[in-house]
Amino acid sequence: MKGQESESGMATKGGGLYLYLALACFAGIIAIFVVDGYLGIYDTLYVTAQEREQEIEPDYWQQPWVKEQGYRIAAEWGEPVHFRYEIDNRTFSTYLTDVEASLWKSGEELIELLDEDIAVASFGEATVDWTLRAEELEAAGSGVGEYTVQIRHGEVERRVVLSYRYPAEVPPPPPPMR
């Protein structure tokens, strides 16, 4: 009988070892997915137009139609449009980059809005912001219409399509006489 007890005791200990090994592997796989989903460089853009702030999160930029067409925002002519761009460094080293923002119309660059070198500490954030005013567009010889705000840092490029329109209470000027 003593031999049977030791055999059954060994079987239980061996089975428990495999169970703990399987649980450790499962926990390791879960940890890999959590770390892989967390680590990296993430960017979030906040745009304030018409007294409303819109947040464009990192995952939103991954959608194919946003990559092709950009994010669309409407603003009334004469109102400033404020941009706040946050870069979140979730890596173990400092992230050095040059953040550029420019305004384009019909494939031509009109205004350089921002050109700033930044250093984002490991597991830190950096924020750059700028404001686009109608006066800047008028100085560049432009007015109401659609513009593209292009934001770049490193190999990342983001596009926001900004549609300026006349305020509802002010009718647009009449077309020129011919």
N, C-alpha and C. Protein backbone atom coordinates (compact mmCIF):
# COMPACT_ATOMS: atom_id res chain seq x y z
N MET A 1 0.80 -1.19 0.00
CA MET A 1 0.00 0.00 0.00
C MET A 1 0.85 1.27 0.00
N LYS A 2 1.98 1.16 0.65
CA LYS A 2 2.83 2.33 0.67
C LYS A 2 3.31 2.69 -0.72
N GLY A 3 3.51 1.72 -1.56
CA GLY A 3 3.95 1.97 -2.93
C GLY A 3 2.87 2.68 -3.73
N GLN A 4 1.61 2.31 -3.49
CA GLN A 4 0.51 2.96 -4.20
C GLN A 4 0.36 4.43 -3.80
N GLU A 5 0.55 4.70 -2.52
CA GLU A 5 0.42 6.08 -2.07
C GLU A 5 1.49 6.96 -2.69
N SER A 6 2.71 6.42 -2.76
CA SER A 6 3.79 7.24 -3.32
C SER A 6 3.59 7.45 -4.81
N GLU A 7 3.04 6.44 -5.50
CA GLU A 7 2.78 6.64 -6.94
C GLU A 7 1.70 7.69 -7.16
N SER A 8 0.63 7.60 -6.37
CA SER A 8 -0.44 8.59 -6.54
C SER A 8 0.02 9.97 -6.12
N GLY A 9 0.87 10.06 -5.10
CA GLY A 9 1.42 11.34 -4.67
C GLY A 9 2.30 11.93 -5.75
N MET A 10 3.07 11.15 -6.45
CA MET A 10 3.93 11.63 -7.54
C MET A 10 3.09 12.12 -8.71
N ALA A 11 2.01 11.41 -9.00
CA ALA A 11 1.16 11.81 -10.11
C ALA A 11 0.53 13.17 -9.82
N THR A 12 0.14 13.43 -8.61
CA THR A 12 -0.46 14.70 -8.26
C THR A 12 0.56 15.83 -8.34
N LYS A 13 1.76 15.60 -7.84
CA LYS A 13 2.80 16.62 -7.90
C LYS A 13 3.19 16.94 -9.34
N GLY A 14 3.31 15.92 -10.18
CA GLY A 14 3.67 16.12 -11.59
C GLY A 14 2.57 16.87 -12.33
N GLY A 15 1.32 16.56 -12.07
CA GLY A 15 0.19 17.23 -12.71
C GLY A 15 0.11 18.69 -12.28
N GLY A 16 0.39 18.97 -11.03
CA GLY A 16 0.39 20.34 -10.53
C GLY A 16 1.49 21.16 -11.17
N LEU A 17 2.64 20.54 -11.42
CA LEU A 17 3.75 21.23 -12.06
C LEU A 17 3.38 21.67 -13.47
N TYR A 18 2.72 20.80 -14.21
CA TYR A 18 2.30 21.14 -15.58
C TYR A 18 1.23 22.24 -15.56
N LEU A 19 0.36 22.19 -14.57
CA LEU A 19 -0.66 23.22 -14.44
C LEU A 19 -0.01 24.59 -14.20
N TYR A 20 0.94 24.65 -13.27
CA TYR A 20 1.65 25.92 -12.99
C TYR A 20 2.45 26.40 -14.19
N LEU A 21 3.06 25.49 -14.92
CA LEU A 21 3.81 25.85 -16.12
C LEU A 21 2.86 26.41 -17.19
N ALA A 22 1.70 25.79 -17.37
CA ALA A 22 0.72 26.27 -18.34
C ALA A 22 0.20 27.66 -17.94
N LEU A 23 -0.08 27.86 -16.66
CA LEU A 23 -0.53 29.17 -16.19
C LEU A 23 0.54 30.24 -16.37
N ALA A 24 1.79 29.89 -16.13
CA ALA A 24 2.89 30.85 -16.32
C ALA A 24 3.02 31.23 -17.79
N CYS A 25 2.90 30.26 -18.69
CA CYS A 25 2.95 30.56 -20.13
C CYS A 25 1.78 31.44 -20.55
N PHE A 26 0.59 31.14 -20.05
CA PHE A 26 -0.58 31.94 -20.36
C PHE A 26 -0.39 33.38 -19.88
N ALA A 27 0.09 33.54 -18.65
CA ALA A 27 0.33 34.89 -18.11
C ALA A 27 1.40 35.61 -18.93
N GLY A 28 2.41 34.91 -19.40
CA GLY A 28 3.45 35.51 -20.24
C GLY A 28 2.89 35.99 -21.57
N ILE A 29 2.02 35.21 -22.17
CA ILE A 29 1.41 35.60 -23.45
C ILE A 29 0.53 36.83 -23.25
N ILE A 30 -0.25 36.86 -22.20
CA ILE A 30 -1.09 38.03 -21.90
C ILE A 30 -0.21 39.26 -21.68
N ALA A 31 0.89 39.09 -20.94
CA ALA A 31 1.80 40.22 -20.68
C ALA A 31 2.40 40.74 -21.98
N ILE A 32 2.73 39.86 -22.92
CA ILE A 32 3.28 40.29 -24.21
C ILE A 32 2.27 41.15 -24.96
N PHE A 33 1.00 40.74 -24.98
CA PHE A 33 -0.03 41.52 -25.67
C PHE A 33 -0.25 42.87 -25.00
N VAL A 34 -0.21 42.92 -23.68
CA VAL A 34 -0.39 44.19 -22.97
C VAL A 34 0.77 45.12 -23.26
N VAL A 35 2.00 44.62 -23.18
CA VAL A 35 3.18 45.45 -23.42
C VAL A 35 3.22 45.90 -24.88
N ASP A 36 2.92 44.99 -25.81
CA ASP A 36 2.95 45.33 -27.23
C ASP A 36 1.90 46.38 -27.57
N GLY A 37 0.75 46.33 -26.93
CA GLY A 37 -0.30 47.31 -27.17
C GLY A 37 -0.04 48.64 -26.50
N TYR A 38 0.85 48.68 -25.54
CA TYR A 38 1.12 49.91 -24.79
C TYR A 38 2.36 50.64 -25.29
N LEU A 39 3.43 49.92 -25.58
CA LEU A 39 4.68 50.56 -25.94
C LEU A 39 4.62 51.17 -27.33
N GLY A 40 5.28 52.30 -27.52
CA GLY A 40 5.35 52.94 -28.83
C GLY A 40 5.26 54.45 -28.69
N ILE A 41 5.19 55.12 -29.84
CA ILE A 41 5.03 56.57 -29.91
C ILE A 41 3.60 56.83 -30.37
N TYR A 42 2.85 57.59 -29.59
CA TYR A 42 1.45 57.87 -29.90
C TYR A 42 1.26 59.38 -30.01
N ASP A 43 0.37 59.80 -30.89
CA ASP A 43 0.09 61.22 -31.05
C ASP A 43 -1.41 61.46 -31.02
N THR A 44 -1.79 62.55 -30.38
CA THR A 44 -3.19 62.95 -30.28
C THR A 44 -3.27 64.42 -30.69
N LEU A 45 -4.24 64.74 -31.52
CA LEU A 45 -4.44 66.10 -31.97
C LEU A 45 -5.77 66.62 -31.42
N TYR A 46 -5.72 67.83 -30.87
CA TYR A 46 -6.91 68.51 -30.39
C TYR A 46 -7.09 69.76 -31.25
N VAL A 47 -8.28 69.92 -31.82
CA VAL A 47 -8.57 71.08 -32.66
C VAL A 47 -9.78 71.79 -32.07
N THR A 48 -9.63 73.09 -31.83
CA THR A 48 -10.74 73.88 -31.29
C THR A 48 -11.21 74.84 -32.37
N ALA A 49 -12.44 74.62 -32.82
CA ALA A 49 -13.08 75.47 -33.83
C ALA A 49 -14.55 75.59 -33.45
N GLN A 50 -15.11 76.73 -33.68
CA GLN A 50 -16.52 77.00 -33.35
C GLN A 50 -16.80 76.72 -31.88
N GLU A 51 -15.86 77.11 -31.03
CA GLU A 51 -15.99 76.96 -29.58
C GLU A 51 -16.17 75.51 -29.15
N ARG A 52 -15.65 74.58 -29.93
CA ARG A 52 -15.77 73.17 -29.59
C ARG A 52 -14.43 72.49 -29.84
N GLU A 53 -13.95 71.76 -28.84
CA GLU A 53 -12.69 71.04 -29.00
C GLU A 53 -12.97 69.62 -29.48
N GLN A 54 -12.25 69.23 -30.52
CA GLN A 54 -12.37 67.88 -31.05
C GLN A 54 -11.06 67.14 -30.81
N GLU A 55 -11.14 65.93 -30.31
CA GLU A 55 -9.97 65.11 -30.03
C GLU A 55 -9.84 64.03 -31.09
N ILE A 56 -8.67 63.97 -31.71
CA ILE A 56 -8.41 62.94 -32.72
C ILE A 56 -7.35 62.02 -32.13
N GLU A 57 -7.79 60.84 -31.72
CA GLU A 57 -6.93 59.90 -30.99
C GLU A 57 -6.04 59.10 -31.94
N PRO A 58 -5.00 58.47 -31.39
CA PRO A 58 -4.05 57.73 -32.23
C PRO A 58 -4.70 56.64 -33.09
N ASP A 59 -5.65 55.90 -32.53
CA ASP A 59 -6.28 54.81 -33.29
C ASP A 59 -7.09 55.33 -34.47
N TYR A 60 -7.62 56.52 -34.37
CA TYR A 60 -8.44 57.08 -35.43
C TYR A 60 -7.65 57.27 -36.72
N TRP A 61 -6.37 57.64 -36.59
CA TRP A 61 -5.53 57.89 -37.77
C TRP A 61 -5.27 56.61 -38.56
N GLN A 62 -5.48 55.43 -37.96
CA GLN A 62 -5.18 54.17 -38.63
C GLN A 62 -6.27 53.73 -39.62
N GLN A 63 -7.41 54.38 -39.60
CA GLN A 63 -8.49 54.00 -40.50
C GLN A 63 -8.11 54.41 -41.93
N PRO A 64 -8.30 53.51 -42.90
CA PRO A 64 -7.85 53.78 -44.28
C PRO A 64 -8.42 55.06 -44.88
N TRP A 65 -9.69 55.35 -44.67
CA TRP A 65 -10.28 56.55 -45.28
C TRP A 65 -9.72 57.82 -44.66
N VAL A 66 -9.29 57.78 -43.39
CA VAL A 66 -8.69 58.95 -42.76
C VAL A 66 -7.28 59.15 -43.31
N LYS A 67 -6.55 58.06 -43.53
CA LYS A 67 -5.20 58.16 -44.10
C LYS A 67 -5.25 58.81 -45.48
N GLU A 68 -6.27 58.46 -46.27
CA GLU A 68 -6.36 58.99 -47.64
C GLU A 68 -6.91 60.41 -47.68
N GLN A 69 -7.98 60.68 -46.92
CA GLN A 69 -8.69 61.94 -47.06
C GLN A 69 -8.39 62.94 -45.95
N GLY A 70 -7.94 62.49 -44.80
CA GLY A 70 -7.71 63.38 -43.68
C GLY A 70 -8.95 63.53 -42.82
N TYR A 71 -8.80 64.21 -41.73
CA TYR A 71 -9.89 64.48 -40.80
C TYR A 71 -10.51 65.81 -41.18
N ARG A 72 -11.83 65.91 -41.21
CA ARG A 72 -12.50 67.13 -41.68
C ARG A 72 -13.01 67.96 -40.51
N ILE A 73 -12.77 69.28 -40.63
CA ILE A 73 -13.22 70.23 -39.62
C ILE A 73 -13.76 71.47 -40.34
N ALA A 74 -14.83 72.04 -39.80
CA ALA A 74 -15.39 73.27 -40.37
C ALA A 74 -15.18 74.41 -39.39
N ALA A 75 -14.95 75.59 -39.95
CA ALA A 75 -14.77 76.79 -39.14
C ALA A 75 -15.39 77.97 -39.87
N GLU A 76 -15.84 78.95 -39.10
CA GLU A 76 -16.39 80.15 -39.70
C GLU A 76 -15.27 81.14 -39.97
N TRP A 77 -15.38 81.84 -41.09
CA TRP A 77 -14.36 82.80 -41.48
C TRP A 77 -14.23 83.88 -40.40
N GLY A 78 -13.01 84.18 -40.04
CA GLY A 78 -12.74 85.19 -39.04
C GLY A 78 -12.46 84.63 -37.66
N GLU A 79 -12.88 83.39 -37.41
CA GLU A 79 -12.63 82.79 -36.10
C GLU A 79 -11.28 82.07 -36.10
N PRO A 80 -10.52 82.17 -35.02
CA PRO A 80 -9.26 81.45 -34.96
C PRO A 80 -9.50 79.96 -34.74
N VAL A 81 -8.62 79.13 -35.29
CA VAL A 81 -8.68 77.69 -35.09
C VAL A 81 -7.41 77.31 -34.34
N HIS A 82 -7.59 76.72 -33.16
CA HIS A 82 -6.46 76.38 -32.30
C HIS A 82 -6.14 74.89 -32.41
N PHE A 83 -4.86 74.57 -32.53
CA PHE A 83 -4.38 73.19 -32.63
C PHE A 83 -3.47 72.90 -31.43
N ARG A 84 -3.66 71.76 -30.81
CA ARG A 84 -2.77 71.26 -29.76
C ARG A 84 -2.39 69.83 -30.11
N TYR A 85 -1.10 69.59 -30.26
CA TYR A 85 -0.61 68.28 -30.72
C TYR A 85 0.24 67.67 -29.61
N GLU A 86 -0.17 66.52 -29.12
CA GLU A 86 0.54 65.84 -28.04
C GLU A 86 1.22 64.59 -28.58
N ILE A 87 2.48 64.43 -28.21
CA ILE A 87 3.23 63.22 -28.56
C ILE A 87 3.55 62.51 -27.26
N ASP A 88 3.14 61.26 -27.18
CA ASP A 88 3.28 60.43 -25.99
C ASP A 88 4.33 59.37 -26.28
N ASN A 89 5.44 59.41 -25.57
CA ASN A 89 6.55 58.47 -25.77
C ASN A 89 6.43 57.35 -24.74
N ARG A 90 6.01 56.19 -25.18
CA ARG A 90 5.91 55.03 -24.30
C ARG A 90 7.01 54.03 -24.65
N THR A 91 8.23 54.52 -24.66
CA THR A 91 9.39 53.66 -24.92
C THR A 91 10.42 53.89 -23.82
N PHE A 92 11.48 53.11 -23.87
CA PHE A 92 12.52 53.20 -22.84
C PHE A 92 13.63 54.19 -23.18
N SER A 93 13.48 54.95 -24.26
CA SER A 93 14.50 55.92 -24.63
C SER A 93 13.84 57.26 -24.97
N THR A 94 14.64 58.31 -24.98
CA THR A 94 14.14 59.64 -25.33
C THR A 94 13.84 59.69 -26.82
N TYR A 95 12.73 60.32 -27.19
CA TYR A 95 12.32 60.44 -28.58
C TYR A 95 12.61 61.86 -29.05
N LEU A 96 13.51 62.00 -30.01
CA LEU A 96 13.87 63.30 -30.59
C LEU A 96 13.23 63.41 -31.96
N THR A 97 12.55 64.52 -32.22
CA THR A 97 11.90 64.69 -33.52
C THR A 97 11.69 66.17 -33.81
N ASP A 98 11.42 66.44 -35.05
CA ASP A 98 11.09 67.78 -35.51
C ASP A 98 9.60 67.76 -35.88
N VAL A 99 8.80 68.58 -35.23
CA VAL A 99 7.37 68.65 -35.52
C VAL A 99 7.15 69.83 -36.46
N GLU A 100 6.54 69.54 -37.60
CA GLU A 100 6.25 70.58 -38.59
C GLU A 100 4.76 70.60 -38.87
N ALA A 101 4.22 71.78 -39.00
CA ALA A 101 2.81 71.94 -39.40
C ALA A 101 2.77 73.03 -40.46
N SER A 102 2.03 72.76 -41.52
CA SER A 102 1.92 73.75 -42.60
C SER A 102 0.51 73.72 -43.17
N LEU A 103 0.14 74.81 -43.82
CA LEU A 103 -1.18 74.96 -44.42
C LEU A 103 -1.04 74.90 -45.93
N TRP A 104 -1.85 74.06 -46.56
CA TRP A 104 -1.78 73.84 -48.00
C TRP A 104 -3.13 74.11 -48.64
N LYS A 105 -3.07 74.52 -49.90
CA LYS A 105 -4.29 74.67 -50.71
C LYS A 105 -3.92 74.32 -52.14
N SER A 106 -4.68 73.43 -52.73
CA SER A 106 -4.49 73.00 -54.13
C SER A 106 -3.05 72.53 -54.38
N GLY A 107 -2.49 71.78 -53.44
CA GLY A 107 -1.16 71.22 -53.61
C GLY A 107 -0.02 72.20 -53.43
N GLU A 108 -0.32 73.40 -52.96
CA GLU A 108 0.71 74.42 -52.77
C GLU A 108 0.74 74.84 -51.31
N GLU A 109 1.95 74.89 -50.75
CA GLU A 109 2.09 75.31 -49.36
C GLU A 109 1.91 76.82 -49.26
N LEU A 110 0.98 77.24 -48.38
CA LEU A 110 0.71 78.66 -48.20
C LEU A 110 1.45 79.24 -47.01
N ILE A 111 1.37 78.55 -45.87
CA ILE A 111 1.90 79.09 -44.62
C ILE A 111 2.58 77.97 -43.84
N GLU A 112 3.76 78.26 -43.29
CA GLU A 112 4.37 77.34 -42.33
C GLU A 112 3.85 77.74 -40.96
N LEU A 113 3.12 76.84 -40.33
CA LEU A 113 2.48 77.15 -39.05
C LEU A 113 3.38 76.86 -37.86
N LEU A 114 4.22 75.82 -37.98
CA LEU A 114 5.05 75.40 -36.86
C LEU A 114 6.24 74.62 -37.38
N ASP A 115 7.39 74.82 -36.79
CA ASP A 115 8.59 74.01 -37.05
C ASP A 115 9.40 74.03 -35.75
N GLU A 116 9.29 72.94 -34.99
CA GLU A 116 9.88 72.91 -33.67
C GLU A 116 10.54 71.56 -33.39
N ASP A 117 11.78 71.60 -32.90
CA ASP A 117 12.47 70.39 -32.46
C ASP A 117 12.04 70.10 -31.03
N ILE A 118 11.67 68.84 -30.78
CA ILE A 118 11.27 68.49 -29.42
C ILE A 118 11.98 67.21 -28.99
N ALA A 119 12.12 67.07 -27.69
CA ALA A 119 12.66 65.86 -27.08
C ALA A 119 11.63 65.38 -26.07
N VAL A 120 11.17 64.15 -26.25
CA VAL A 120 10.16 63.59 -25.35
C VAL A 120 10.86 62.54 -24.50
N ALA A 121 10.89 62.76 -23.21
CA ALA A 121 11.55 61.84 -22.29
C ALA A 121 10.87 60.47 -22.32
N SER A 122 11.60 59.47 -21.89
CA SER A 122 11.07 58.12 -21.81
C SER A 122 9.81 58.11 -20.95
N PHE A 123 8.74 57.55 -21.46
CA PHE A 123 7.43 57.49 -20.82
C PHE A 123 6.93 58.88 -20.42
N GLY A 124 7.21 59.85 -21.30
CA GLY A 124 6.77 61.23 -21.07
C GLY A 124 5.94 61.73 -22.23
N GLU A 125 5.49 62.97 -22.11
CA GLU A 125 4.69 63.62 -23.15
C GLU A 125 5.27 64.98 -23.49
N ALA A 126 5.04 65.41 -24.72
CA ALA A 126 5.39 66.77 -25.14
C ALA A 126 4.19 67.32 -25.90
N THR A 127 3.97 68.61 -25.75
CA THR A 127 2.84 69.27 -26.40
C THR A 127 3.32 70.49 -27.15
N VAL A 128 2.85 70.63 -28.38
CA VAL A 128 3.09 71.84 -29.16
C VAL A 128 1.72 72.37 -29.57
N ASP A 129 1.60 73.67 -29.64
CA ASP A 129 0.31 74.22 -30.07
C ASP A 129 0.52 75.47 -30.90
N TRP A 130 -0.47 75.75 -31.72
CA TRP A 130 -0.45 76.91 -32.60
C TRP A 130 -1.89 77.28 -32.93
N THR A 131 -2.05 78.50 -33.41
CA THR A 131 -3.37 79.00 -33.77
C THR A 131 -3.33 79.55 -35.19
N LEU A 132 -4.31 79.19 -35.98
CA LEU A 132 -4.45 79.70 -37.35
C LEU A 132 -5.52 80.78 -37.32
N ARG A 133 -5.16 81.96 -37.83
CA ARG A 133 -6.08 83.09 -37.85
C ARG A 133 -6.38 83.48 -39.30
N ALA A 134 -7.56 84.03 -39.51
CA ALA A 134 -7.98 84.44 -40.85
C ALA A 134 -7.04 85.50 -41.41
N GLU A 135 -6.47 86.32 -40.55
CA GLU A 135 -5.55 87.36 -41.00
C GLU A 135 -4.33 86.76 -41.72
N GLU A 136 -3.88 85.61 -41.22
CA GLU A 136 -2.74 84.94 -41.86
C GLU A 136 -3.10 84.48 -43.28
N LEU A 137 -4.33 84.00 -43.43
CA LEU A 137 -4.78 83.57 -44.76
C LEU A 137 -4.93 84.76 -45.69
N GLU A 138 -5.47 85.84 -45.18
CA GLU A 138 -5.61 87.04 -46.00
C GLU A 138 -4.25 87.57 -46.43
N ALA A 139 -3.27 87.52 -45.53
CA ALA A 139 -1.92 87.98 -45.86
C ALA A 139 -1.29 87.09 -46.93
N ALA A 140 -1.69 85.82 -46.96
CA ALA A 140 -1.18 84.89 -47.98
C ALA A 140 -2.00 84.96 -49.26
N GLY A 141 -3.00 85.85 -49.31
CA GLY A 141 -3.81 86.01 -50.51
C GLY A 141 -4.92 85.00 -50.64
N SER A 142 -5.38 84.43 -49.53
CA SER A 142 -6.44 83.43 -49.57
C SER A 142 -7.62 83.87 -48.73
N GLY A 143 -8.73 83.19 -48.94
CA GLY A 143 -9.95 83.51 -48.20
C GLY A 143 -10.72 82.25 -47.87
N VAL A 144 -12.03 82.35 -47.96
CA VAL A 144 -12.91 81.24 -47.64
C VAL A 144 -12.61 80.07 -48.60
N GLY A 145 -12.66 78.86 -48.06
CA GLY A 145 -12.43 77.68 -48.88
C GLY A 145 -11.88 76.53 -48.07
N GLU A 146 -11.42 75.49 -48.76
CA GLU A 146 -10.87 74.32 -48.10
C GLU A 146 -9.35 74.36 -48.11
N TYR A 147 -8.79 74.02 -46.96
CA TYR A 147 -7.34 73.99 -46.78
C TYR A 147 -6.97 72.66 -46.13
N THR A 148 -5.73 72.28 -46.29
CA THR A 148 -5.22 71.08 -45.63
C THR A 148 -4.12 71.49 -44.67
N VAL A 149 -4.29 71.13 -43.41
CA VAL A 149 -3.25 71.33 -42.41
C VAL A 149 -2.48 70.01 -42.36
N GLN A 150 -1.20 70.09 -42.69
CA GLN A 150 -0.35 68.90 -42.72
C GLN A 150 0.60 68.94 -41.53
N ILE A 151 0.58 67.87 -40.74
CA ILE A 151 1.41 67.79 -39.54
C ILE A 151 2.35 66.61 -39.72
N ARG A 152 3.64 66.84 -39.48
CA ARG A 152 4.65 65.78 -39.63
C ARG A 152 5.57 65.75 -38.42
N HIS A 153 5.91 64.54 -38.03
CA HIS A 153 7.01 64.32 -37.09
C HIS A 153 7.59 62.95 -37.41
N GLY A 154 8.90 62.92 -37.60
CA GLY A 154 9.53 61.67 -38.03
C GLY A 154 8.93 61.22 -39.35
N GLU A 155 8.51 59.98 -39.42
CA GLU A 155 7.88 59.45 -40.64
C GLU A 155 6.36 59.53 -40.58
N VAL A 156 5.83 60.13 -39.53
CA VAL A 156 4.38 60.22 -39.33
C VAL A 156 3.86 61.49 -39.99
N GLU A 157 2.78 61.34 -40.76
CA GLU A 157 2.13 62.49 -41.40
C GLU A 157 0.64 62.44 -41.12
N ARG A 158 0.10 63.53 -40.64
CA ARG A 158 -1.33 63.66 -40.36
C ARG A 158 -1.88 64.80 -41.19
N ARG A 159 -3.12 64.62 -41.69
CA ARG A 159 -3.76 65.67 -42.49
C ARG A 159 -5.13 66.00 -41.91
N VAL A 160 -5.39 67.28 -41.79
CA VAL A 160 -6.69 67.77 -41.35
C VAL A 160 -7.20 68.69 -42.44
N VAL A 161 -8.39 68.41 -42.96
CA VAL A 161 -9.00 69.26 -43.98
C VAL A 161 -9.87 70.28 -43.26
N LEU A 162 -9.50 71.54 -43.42
CA LEU A 162 -10.17 72.63 -42.74
C LEU A 162 -11.00 73.41 -43.75
N SER A 163 -12.31 73.46 -43.53
CA SER A 163 -13.22 74.18 -44.42
C SER A 163 -13.64 75.47 -43.76
N TYR A 164 -13.17 76.58 -44.31
CA TYR A 164 -13.60 77.90 -43.83
C TYR A 164 -14.83 78.30 -44.61
N ARG A 165 -15.86 78.76 -43.90
CA ARG A 165 -17.08 79.24 -44.54
C ARG A 165 -17.49 80.55 -43.89
N TYR A 166 -18.35 81.30 -44.58
CA TYR A 166 -18.84 82.56 -44.03
C TYR A 166 -19.79 82.26 -42.87
N PRO A 167 -19.81 83.13 -41.86
CA PRO A 167 -20.78 82.94 -40.77
C PRO A 167 -22.21 83.00 -41.32
N ALA A 168 -23.11 82.32 -40.65
CA ALA A 168 -24.50 82.23 -41.11
C ALA A 168 -25.18 83.59 -41.17
N GLU A 169 -24.87 84.49 -40.25
CA GLU A 169 -25.57 85.79 -40.22
C GLU A 169 -25.01 86.78 -41.23
N VAL A 170 -23.85 86.52 -41.80
CA VAL A 170 -23.25 87.43 -42.77
C VAL A 170 -23.29 86.77 -44.15
N PRO A 171 -24.05 87.32 -45.08
CA PRO A 171 -24.13 86.70 -46.40
C PRO A 171 -22.80 86.88 -47.14
N PRO A 172 -22.47 85.94 -48.00
CA PRO A 172 -21.22 86.09 -48.77
C PRO A 172 -21.31 87.28 -49.72
N PRO A 173 -20.18 87.85 -50.06
CA PRO A 173 -20.22 89.00 -50.98
C PRO A 173 -20.73 88.57 -52.36
N PRO A 174 -21.33 89.49 -53.11
CA PRO A 174 -21.83 89.14 -54.44
C PRO A 174 -20.68 88.80 -55.37
N PRO A 175 -20.92 87.98 -56.37
CA PRO A 175 -19.86 87.67 -57.32
C PRO A 175 -19.47 88.90 -58.11
N PRO A 176 -18.25 88.97 -58.61
CA PRO A 176 -17.82 90.16 -59.37
C PRO A 176 -18.62 90.31 -60.65
N MET A 177 -18.84 91.55 -61.04
CA MET A 177 -19.58 91.85 -62.28
C MET A 177 -18.64 91.61 -63.47
N ARG A 178 -19.19 91.11 -64.51
CA ARG A 178 -18.38 90.87 -65.72
C ARG A 178 -18.77 91.77 -66.81
